[in-house]
PDB file of N, CA and C in Angstrom:
ATOM      1  N   UNK A   1     -21.901   9.168  11.359  1.00  0.00           N
ATOM      2  CA  UNK A   1     -22.322   8.446  10.178  1.00  0.00           C
ATOM      3  C   UNK A   1     -22.643   9.451   9.087  1.00  0.00           C
ATOM      4  N   UNK A   2     -22.009   9.313   7.988  1.00  0.00           N
ATOM      5  CA  UNK A   2     -22.271  10.215   6.873  1.00  0.00           C
ATOM      6  C   UNK A   2     -22.081   9.442   5.579  1.00  0.00           C
ATOM      7  N   UNK A   3     -22.658   9.943   4.566  1.00  0.00           N
ATOM      8  CA  UNK A   3     -22.479   9.302   3.265  1.00  0.00           C
ATOM      9  C   UNK A   3     -23.575   9.689   2.308  1.00  0.00           C
ATOM     10  N   UNK A   4     -23.326   9.430   1.077  1.00  0.00           N
ATOM     11  CA  UNK A   4     -24.293   9.735   0.037  1.00  0.00           C
ATOM     12  C   UNK A   4     -24.937   8.410  -0.368  1.00  0.00           C
ATOM     13  N   UNK A   5     -25.939   7.982   0.395  1.00  0.00           N
ATOM     14  CA  UNK A   5     -26.584   6.709   0.147  1.00  0.00           C
ATOM     15  C   UNK A   5     -27.688   6.877  -0.896  1.00  0.00           C
ATOM     16  N   UNK A   6     -27.772   5.954  -1.806  1.00  0.00           N
ATOM     17  CA  UNK A   6     -28.801   6.021  -2.835  1.00  0.00           C
ATOM     18  C   UNK A   6     -30.151   5.604  -2.267  1.00  0.00           C
ATOM     19  N   UNK A   7     -31.201   5.993  -2.933  1.00  0.00           N
ATOM     20  CA  UNK A   7     -32.556   5.679  -2.476  1.00  0.00           C
ATOM     21  C   UNK A   7     -32.754   4.177  -2.268  1.00  0.00           C
ATOM     22  N   UNK A   8     -32.305   3.310  -3.197  1.00  0.00           N
ATOM     23  CA  UNK A   8     -32.494   1.871  -2.969  1.00  0.00           C
ATOM     24  C   UNK A   8     -31.786   1.337  -1.723  1.00  0.00           C
ATOM     25  N   UNK A   9     -30.784   2.054  -1.229  1.00  0.00           N
ATOM     26  CA  UNK A   9     -30.062   1.606  -0.032  1.00  0.00           C
ATOM     27  C   UNK A   9     -30.729   2.050   1.259  1.00  0.00           C
ATOM     28  N   UNK A  10     -31.695   2.933   1.178  1.00  0.00           N
ATOM     29  CA  UNK A  10     -32.278   3.523   2.386  1.00  0.00           C
ATOM     30  C   UNK A  10     -32.960   2.505   3.292  1.00  0.00           C
ATOM     31  N   UNK A  11     -33.500   1.442   2.728  1.00  0.00           N
ATOM     32  CA  UNK A  11     -34.134   0.440   3.592  1.00  0.00           C
ATOM     33  C   UNK A  11     -33.114  -0.239   4.495  1.00  0.00           C
ATOM     34  N   UNK A  12     -31.830  -0.176   4.123  1.00  0.00           N
ATOM     35  CA  UNK A  12     -30.764  -0.719   4.965  1.00  0.00           C
ATOM     36  C   UNK A  12     -30.108   0.365   5.817  1.00  0.00           C
ATOM     37  N   UNK A  13     -29.867   1.534   5.240  1.00  0.00           N
ATOM     38  CA  UNK A  13     -29.105   2.567   5.940  1.00  0.00           C
ATOM     39  C   UNK A  13     -29.901   3.276   7.032  1.00  0.00           C
ATOM     40  N   UNK A  14     -31.185   3.487   6.836  1.00  0.00           N
ATOM     41  CA  UNK A  14     -31.988   4.164   7.862  1.00  0.00           C
ATOM     42  C   UNK A  14     -32.013   3.350   9.160  1.00  0.00           C
ATOM     43  N   UNK A  15     -32.237   2.028   9.113  1.00  0.00           N
ATOM     44  CA  UNK A  15     -32.171   1.251  10.362  1.00  0.00           C
ATOM     45  C   UNK A  15     -30.786   1.328  11.023  1.00  0.00           C
ATOM     46  N   UNK A  16     -29.715   1.366  10.216  1.00  0.00           N
ATOM     47  CA  UNK A  16     -28.366   1.503  10.800  1.00  0.00           C
ATOM     48  C   UNK A  16     -28.257   2.802  11.574  1.00  0.00           C
ATOM     49  N   UNK A  17     -28.789   3.877  10.996  1.00  0.00           N
ATOM     50  CA  UNK A  17     -28.721   5.170  11.660  1.00  0.00           C
ATOM     51  C   UNK A  17     -29.453   5.120  13.004  1.00  0.00           C
ATOM     52  N   UNK A  18     -30.659   4.552  13.016  1.00  0.00           N
ATOM     53  CA  UNK A  18     -31.415   4.497  14.260  1.00  0.00           C
ATOM     54  C   UNK A  18     -30.750   3.575  15.280  1.00  0.00           C
ATOM     55  N   UNK A  19     -30.134   2.498  14.831  1.00  0.00           N
ATOM     56  CA  UNK A  19     -29.409   1.620  15.753  1.00  0.00           C
ATOM     57  C   UNK A  19     -28.233   2.365  16.375  1.00  0.00           C
ATOM     58  N   UNK A  20     -27.498   3.111  15.556  1.00  0.00           N
ATOM     59  CA  UNK A  20     -26.387   3.911  16.059  1.00  0.00           C
ATOM     60  C   UNK A  20     -26.891   4.936  17.076  1.00  0.00           C
ATOM     61  N   UNK A  21     -27.993   5.611  16.751  1.00  0.00           N
ATOM     62  CA  UNK A  21     -28.552   6.617  17.661  1.00  0.00           C
ATOM     63  C   UNK A  21     -28.956   5.980  18.989  1.00  0.00           C
ATOM     64  N   UNK A  22     -29.558   4.809  18.957  1.00  0.00           N
ATOM     65  CA  UNK A  22     -29.940   4.109  20.191  1.00  0.00           C
ATOM     66  C   UNK A  22     -28.716   3.731  21.018  1.00  0.00           C
ATOM     67  N   UNK A  23     -27.674   3.231  20.353  1.00  0.00           N
ATOM     68  CA  UNK A  23     -26.445   2.866  21.065  1.00  0.00           C
ATOM     69  C   UNK A  23     -25.801   4.089  21.707  1.00  0.00           C
ATOM     70  N   UNK A  24     -25.740   5.179  20.969  1.00  0.00           N
ATOM     71  CA  UNK A  24     -25.129   6.398  21.493  1.00  0.00           C
ATOM     72  C   UNK A  24     -25.949   6.955  22.659  1.00  0.00           C
ATOM     73  N   UNK A  25     -27.267   6.926  22.533  1.00  0.00           N
ATOM     74  CA  UNK A  25     -28.145   7.385  23.605  1.00  0.00           C
ATOM     75  C   UNK A  25     -27.924   6.549  24.867  1.00  0.00           C
ATOM     76  N   UNK A  26     -27.821   5.238  24.693  1.00  0.00           N
ATOM     77  CA  UNK A  26     -27.556   4.353  25.829  1.00  0.00           C
ATOM     78  C   UNK A  26     -26.216   4.653  26.486  1.00  0.00           C
ATOM     79  N   UNK A  27     -25.220   4.943  25.670  1.00  0.00           N
ATOM     80  CA  UNK A  27     -23.903   5.304  26.193  1.00  0.00           C
ATOM     81  C   UNK A  27     -24.007   6.571  27.033  1.00  0.00           C
ATOM     82  N   UNK A  28     -24.678   7.590  26.508  1.00  0.00           N
ATOM     83  CA  UNK A  28     -24.803   8.853  27.237  1.00  0.00           C
ATOM     84  C   UNK A  28     -25.597   8.689  28.529  1.00  0.00           C
ATOM     85  N   UNK A  29     -26.632   7.874  28.501  1.00  0.00           N
ATOM     86  CA  UNK A  29     -27.455   7.660  29.692  1.00  0.00           C
ATOM     87  C   UNK A  29     -26.707   6.899  30.785  1.00  0.00           C
ATOM     88  N   UNK A  30     -25.677   6.148  30.409  1.00  0.00           N
ATOM     89  CA  UNK A  30     -24.937   5.339  31.376  1.00  0.00           C
ATOM     90  C   UNK A  30     -23.504   5.796  31.553  1.00  0.00           C
ATOM     91  N   UNK A  31     -23.199   6.998  31.135  1.00  0.00           N
ATOM     92  CA  UNK A  31     -21.845   7.528  31.137  1.00  0.00           C
ATOM     93  C   UNK A  31     -21.157   7.408  32.500  1.00  0.00           C
ATOM     94  N   UNK A  32     -21.893   7.681  33.558  1.00  0.00           N
ATOM     95  CA  UNK A  32     -21.318   7.649  34.906  1.00  0.00           C
ATOM     96  C   UNK A  32     -20.883   6.238  35.325  1.00  0.00           C
ATOM     97  N   UNK A  33     -21.417   5.221  34.697  1.00  0.00           N
ATOM     98  CA  UNK A  33     -21.093   3.840  35.060  1.00  0.00           C
ATOM     99  C   UNK A  33     -19.733   3.384  34.522  1.00  0.00           C
ATOM    100  N   UNK A  34     -19.173   4.117  33.568  1.00  0.00           N
ATOM    101  CA  UNK A  34     -17.919   3.720  32.929  1.00  0.00           C
ATOM    102  C   UNK A  34     -16.743   4.356  33.654  1.00  0.00           C
ATOM    103  N   UNK A  35     -16.232   3.674  34.681  1.00  0.00           N
ATOM    104  CA  UNK A  35     -15.165   4.246  35.512  1.00  0.00           C
ATOM    105  C   UNK A  35     -13.884   4.518  34.717  1.00  0.00           C
ATOM    106  N   UNK A  36     -13.655   3.763  33.657  1.00  0.00           N
ATOM    107  CA  UNK A  36     -12.450   3.957  32.859  1.00  0.00           C
ATOM    108  C   UNK A  36     -12.407   5.372  32.265  1.00  0.00           C
ATOM    109  N   UNK A  37     -13.567   5.976  32.047  1.00  0.00           N
ATOM    110  CA  UNK A  37     -13.617   7.314  31.470  1.00  0.00           C
ATOM    111  C   UNK A  37     -13.166   8.395  32.453  1.00  0.00           C
ATOM    112  N   UNK A  38     -12.994   8.023  33.715  1.00  0.00           N
ATOM    113  CA  UNK A  38     -12.568   8.981  34.734  1.00  0.00           C
ATOM    114  C   UNK A  38     -11.057   8.916  34.985  1.00  0.00           C
ATOM    115  N   UNK A  39     -10.364   7.996  34.332  1.00  0.00           N
ATOM    116  CA  UNK A  39      -8.920   7.862  34.533  1.00  0.00           C
ATOM    117  C   UNK A  39      -8.189   8.983  33.799  1.00  0.00           C
ATOM    118  N   UNK A  40      -7.230   9.657  34.481  1.00  0.00           N
ATOM    119  CA  UNK A  40      -6.528  10.793  33.876  1.00  0.00           C
ATOM    120  C   UNK A  40      -5.936  10.535  32.482  1.00  0.00           C
ATOM    121  N   UNK A  41      -5.277   9.396  32.217  1.00  0.00           N
ATOM    122  CA  UNK A  41      -4.745   9.194  30.861  1.00  0.00           C
ATOM    123  C   UNK A  41      -5.848   9.127  29.791  1.00  0.00           C
ATOM    124  N   UNK A  42      -6.992   8.558  30.144  1.00  0.00           N
ATOM    125  CA  UNK A  42      -8.116   8.462  29.202  1.00  0.00           C
ATOM    126  C   UNK A  42      -8.700   9.855  28.958  1.00  0.00           C
ATOM    127  N   UNK A  43      -8.823  10.639  30.021  1.00  0.00           N
ATOM    128  CA  UNK A  43      -9.327  12.011  29.883  1.00  0.00           C
ATOM    129  C   UNK A  43      -8.399  12.818  28.989  1.00  0.00           C
ATOM    130  N   UNK A  44      -7.093  12.694  29.209  1.00  0.00           N
ATOM    131  CA  UNK A  44      -6.115  13.436  28.402  1.00  0.00           C
ATOM    132  C   UNK A  44      -6.171  13.017  26.929  1.00  0.00           C
ATOM    133  N   UNK A  45      -6.262  11.722  26.686  1.00  0.00           N
ATOM    134  CA  UNK A  45      -6.359  11.244  25.303  1.00  0.00           C
ATOM    135  C   UNK A  45      -7.641  11.769  24.645  1.00  0.00           C
ATOM    136  N   UNK A  46      -8.733  11.770  25.391  1.00  0.00           N
ATOM    137  CA  UNK A  46      -9.992  12.293  24.873  1.00  0.00           C
ATOM    138  C   UNK A  46      -9.887  13.760  24.495  1.00  0.00           C
ATOM    139  N   UNK A  47      -9.190  14.540  25.315  1.00  0.00           N
ATOM    140  CA  UNK A  47      -9.008  15.962  25.012  1.00  0.00           C
ATOM    141  C   UNK A  47      -8.205  16.151  23.732  1.00  0.00           C
ATOM    142  N   UNK A  48      -7.147  15.347  23.565  1.00  0.00           N
ATOM    143  CA  UNK A  48      -6.316  15.452  22.356  1.00  0.00           C
ATOM    144  C   UNK A  48      -7.124  15.094  21.104  1.00  0.00           C
ATOM    145  N   UNK A  49      -7.912  14.022  21.192  1.00  0.00           N
ATOM    146  CA  UNK A  49      -8.720  13.596  20.046  1.00  0.00           C
ATOM    147  C   UNK A  49      -9.775  14.653  19.739  1.00  0.00           C
ATOM    148  N   UNK A  50     -10.396  15.211  20.777  1.00  0.00           N
ATOM    149  CA  UNK A  50     -11.395  16.264  20.577  1.00  0.00           C
ATOM    150  C   UNK A  50     -10.755  17.469  19.880  1.00  0.00           C
ATOM    151  N   UNK A  51      -9.574  17.884  20.345  1.00  0.00           N
ATOM    152  CA  UNK A  51      -8.898  19.033  19.737  1.00  0.00           C
ATOM    153  C   UNK A  51      -8.562  18.775  18.270  1.00  0.00           C
ATOM    154  N   UNK A  52      -8.090  17.560  17.955  1.00  0.00           N
ATOM    155  CA  UNK A  52      -7.791  17.215  16.553  1.00  0.00           C
ATOM    156  C   UNK A  52      -9.063  17.260  15.713  1.00  0.00           C
ATOM    157  N   UNK A  53     -10.139  16.671  16.225  1.00  0.00           N
ATOM    158  CA  UNK A  53     -11.396  16.639  15.496  1.00  0.00           C
ATOM    159  C   UNK A  53     -11.908  18.056  15.243  1.00  0.00           C
ATOM    160  N   UNK A  54     -11.913  18.887  16.296  1.00  0.00           N
ATOM    161  CA  UNK A  54     -12.407  20.252  16.148  1.00  0.00           C
ATOM    162  C   UNK A  54     -11.555  21.046  15.168  1.00  0.00           C
ATOM    163  N   UNK A  55     -10.258  20.835  15.202  1.00  0.00           N
ATOM    164  CA  UNK A  55      -9.365  21.525  14.273  1.00  0.00           C
ATOM    165  C   UNK A  55      -9.697  21.146  12.831  1.00  0.00           C
ATOM    166  N   UNK A  56      -9.854  19.860  12.582  1.00  0.00           N
ATOM    167  CA  UNK A  56     -10.202  19.401  11.234  1.00  0.00           C
ATOM    168  C   UNK A  56     -11.580  19.905  10.817  1.00  0.00           C
ATOM    169  N   UNK A  57     -12.536  19.891  11.757  1.00  0.00           N
ATOM    170  CA  UNK A  57     -13.888  20.350  11.428  1.00  0.00           C
ATOM    171  C   UNK A  57     -13.883  21.836  11.098  1.00  0.00           C
ATOM    172  N   UNK A  58     -13.131  22.621  11.887  1.00  0.00           N
ATOM    173  CA  UNK A  58     -13.079  24.069  11.633  1.00  0.00           C
ATOM    174  C   UNK A  58     -12.506  24.370  10.255  1.00  0.00           C
ATOM    175  N   UNK A  59     -11.540  23.567   9.824  1.00  0.00           N
ATOM    176  CA  UNK A  59     -10.965  23.764   8.488  1.00  0.00           C
ATOM    177  C   UNK A  59     -11.990  23.456   7.403  1.00  0.00           C
ATOM    178  N   UNK A  60     -12.839  22.468   7.634  1.00  0.00           N
ATOM    179  CA  UNK A  60     -13.809  22.046   6.623  1.00  0.00           C
ATOM    180  C   UNK A  60     -15.126  22.803   6.725  1.00  0.00           C
ATOM    181  N   UNK A  61     -15.474  23.274   7.907  1.00  0.00           N
ATOM    182  CA  UNK A  61     -16.817  23.810   8.118  1.00  0.00           C
ATOM    183  C   UNK A  61     -17.192  24.991   7.232  1.00  0.00           C
ATOM    184  N   UNK A  62     -16.267  25.881   6.825  1.00  0.00           N
ATOM    185  CA  UNK A  62     -16.726  26.955   5.940  1.00  0.00           C
ATOM    186  C   UNK A  62     -17.301  26.438   4.620  1.00  0.00           C
ATOM    187  N   UNK A  63     -16.961  25.213   4.245  1.00  0.00           N
ATOM    188  CA  UNK A  63     -17.473  24.641   3.003  1.00  0.00           C
ATOM    189  C   UNK A  63     -18.568  23.603   3.232  1.00  0.00           C
ATOM    190  N   UNK A  64     -19.012  23.451   4.473  1.00  0.00           N
ATOM    191  CA  UNK A  64     -19.946  22.370   4.790  1.00  0.00           C
ATOM    192  C   UNK A  64     -21.302  22.553   4.104  1.00  0.00           C
ATOM    193  N   UNK A  65     -21.667  23.781   3.806  1.00  0.00           N
ATOM    194  CA  UNK A  65     -22.959  24.036   3.162  1.00  0.00           C
ATOM    195  C   UNK A  65     -22.821  24.301   1.668  1.00  0.00           C
ATOM    196  N   UNK A  66     -21.662  24.000   1.098  1.00  0.00           N
ATOM    197  CA  UNK A  66     -21.409  24.365  -0.296  1.00  0.00           C
ATOM    198  C   UNK A  66     -22.337  23.668  -1.288  1.00  0.00           C
ATOM    199  N   UNK A  67     -22.936  22.553  -0.878  1.00  0.00           N
ATOM    200  CA  UNK A  67     -23.856  21.870  -1.785  1.00  0.00           C
ATOM    201  C   UNK A  67     -25.264  22.481  -1.735  1.00  0.00           C
ATOM    202  N   UNK A  68     -25.458  23.503  -0.904  1.00  0.00           N
ATOM    203  CA  UNK A  68     -26.728  24.225  -0.832  1.00  0.00           C
ATOM    204  C   UNK A  68     -26.401  25.700  -1.083  1.00  0.00           C
ATOM    205  N   UNK A  69     -26.230  26.086  -2.349  1.00  0.00           N
ATOM    206  CA  UNK A  69     -25.703  27.418  -2.675  1.00  0.00           C
ATOM    207  C   UNK A  69     -26.419  28.600  -2.033  1.00  0.00           C
ATOM    208  N   UNK A  70     -27.744  28.547  -1.888  1.00  0.00           N
ATOM    209  CA  UNK A  70     -28.436  29.705  -1.324  1.00  0.00           C
ATOM    210  C   UNK A  70     -28.218  29.840   0.187  1.00  0.00           C
ATOM    211  N   UNK A  71     -27.637  28.811   0.831  1.00  0.00           N
ATOM    212  CA  UNK A  71     -27.326  28.883   2.259  1.00  0.00           C
ATOM    213  C   UNK A  71     -25.831  29.048   2.524  1.00  0.00           C
ATOM    214  N   UNK A  72     -25.019  28.862   1.508  1.00  0.00           N
ATOM    215  CA  UNK A  72     -23.576  28.787   1.699  1.00  0.00           C
ATOM    216  C   UNK A  72     -22.919  30.156   1.813  1.00  0.00           C
ATOM    217  N   UNK A  73     -22.103  30.295   2.832  1.00  0.00           N
ATOM    218  CA  UNK A  73     -21.197  31.433   2.949  1.00  0.00           C
ATOM    219  C   UNK A  73     -20.130  31.055   3.969  1.00  0.00           C
ATOM    220  N   UNK A  74     -18.993  31.722   3.915  1.00  0.00           N
ATOM    221  CA  UNK A  74     -17.922  31.454   4.885  1.00  0.00           C
ATOM    222  C   UNK A  74     -18.440  31.704   6.305  1.00  0.00           C
ATOM    223  N   UNK A  75     -19.210  32.776   6.460  1.00  0.00           N
ATOM    224  CA  UNK A  75     -19.742  33.139   7.767  1.00  0.00           C
ATOM    225  C   UNK A  75     -20.682  32.071   8.327  1.00  0.00           C
ATOM    226  N   UNK A  76     -21.598  31.592   7.482  1.00  0.00           N
ATOM    227  CA  UNK A  76     -22.543  30.564   7.931  1.00  0.00           C
ATOM    228  C   UNK A  76     -21.823  29.266   8.286  1.00  0.00           C
ATOM    229  N   UNK A  77     -20.781  28.918   7.536  1.00  0.00           N
ATOM    230  CA  UNK A  77     -20.008  27.716   7.852  1.00  0.00           C
ATOM    231  C   UNK A  77     -19.345  27.818   9.217  1.00  0.00           C
ATOM    232  N   UNK A  78     -18.766  28.977   9.507  1.00  0.00           N
ATOM    233  CA  UNK A  78     -18.139  29.180  10.817  1.00  0.00           C
ATOM    234  C   UNK A  78     -19.182  29.119  11.940  1.00  0.00           C
ATOM    235  N   UNK A  79     -20.334  29.767  11.718  1.00  0.00           N
ATOM    236  CA  UNK A  79     -21.393  29.755  12.731  1.00  0.00           C
ATOM    237  C   UNK A  79     -21.898  28.338  12.980  1.00  0.00           C
ATOM    238  N   UNK A  80     -22.035  27.546  11.932  1.00  0.00           N
ATOM    239  CA  UNK A  80     -22.470  26.156  12.096  1.00  0.00           C
ATOM    240  C   UNK A  80     -21.454  25.382  12.920  1.00  0.00           C
ATOM    241  N   UNK A  81     -20.177  25.567  12.639  1.00  0.00           N
ATOM    242  CA  UNK A  81     -19.135  24.907  13.422  1.00  0.00           C
ATOM    243  C   UNK A  81     -19.194  25.300  14.887  1.00  0.00           C
ATOM    244  N   UNK A  82     -19.463  26.580  15.174  1.00  0.00           N
ATOM    245  CA  UNK A  82     -19.566  27.037  16.553  1.00  0.00           C
ATOM    246  C   UNK A  82     -20.798  26.447  17.241  1.00  0.00           C
ATOM    247  N   UNK A  83     -21.899  26.366  16.517  1.00  0.00           N
ATOM    248  CA  UNK A  83     -23.118  25.801  17.107  1.00  0.00           C
ATOM    249  C   UNK A  83     -22.961  24.327  17.435  1.00  0.00           C
ATOM    250  N   UNK A  84     -22.297  23.601  16.553  1.00  0.00           N
ATOM    251  CA  UNK A  84     -22.134  22.164  16.767  1.00  0.00           C
ATOM    252  C   UNK A  84     -21.122  21.862  17.855  1.00  0.00           C
ATOM    253  N   UNK A  85     -20.103  22.724  17.990  1.00  0.00           N
ATOM    254  CA  UNK A  85     -19.029  22.455  18.951  1.00  0.00           C
ATOM    255  C   UNK A  85     -18.794  23.651  19.827  1.00  0.00           C
TER     256      UNK A  85
END
């Protein structure tokens, strides 16, 4: 979830964020119960999607801090990408 939400929208967007976090937490806590995630074709598709996502993120990550000039550098962007993934 990302976006540039205005202050008047925060009463709606903050609850959405927490609902998403709760859903994701529940998914992670019950991961072993989802047998479909253990099927080889699903695992392979997940790897391909992960690789595409990481590739796109690595291309963008050097500029991820560009809106905070005193923190921005190519090096810091790469390090952030490595820390996250």
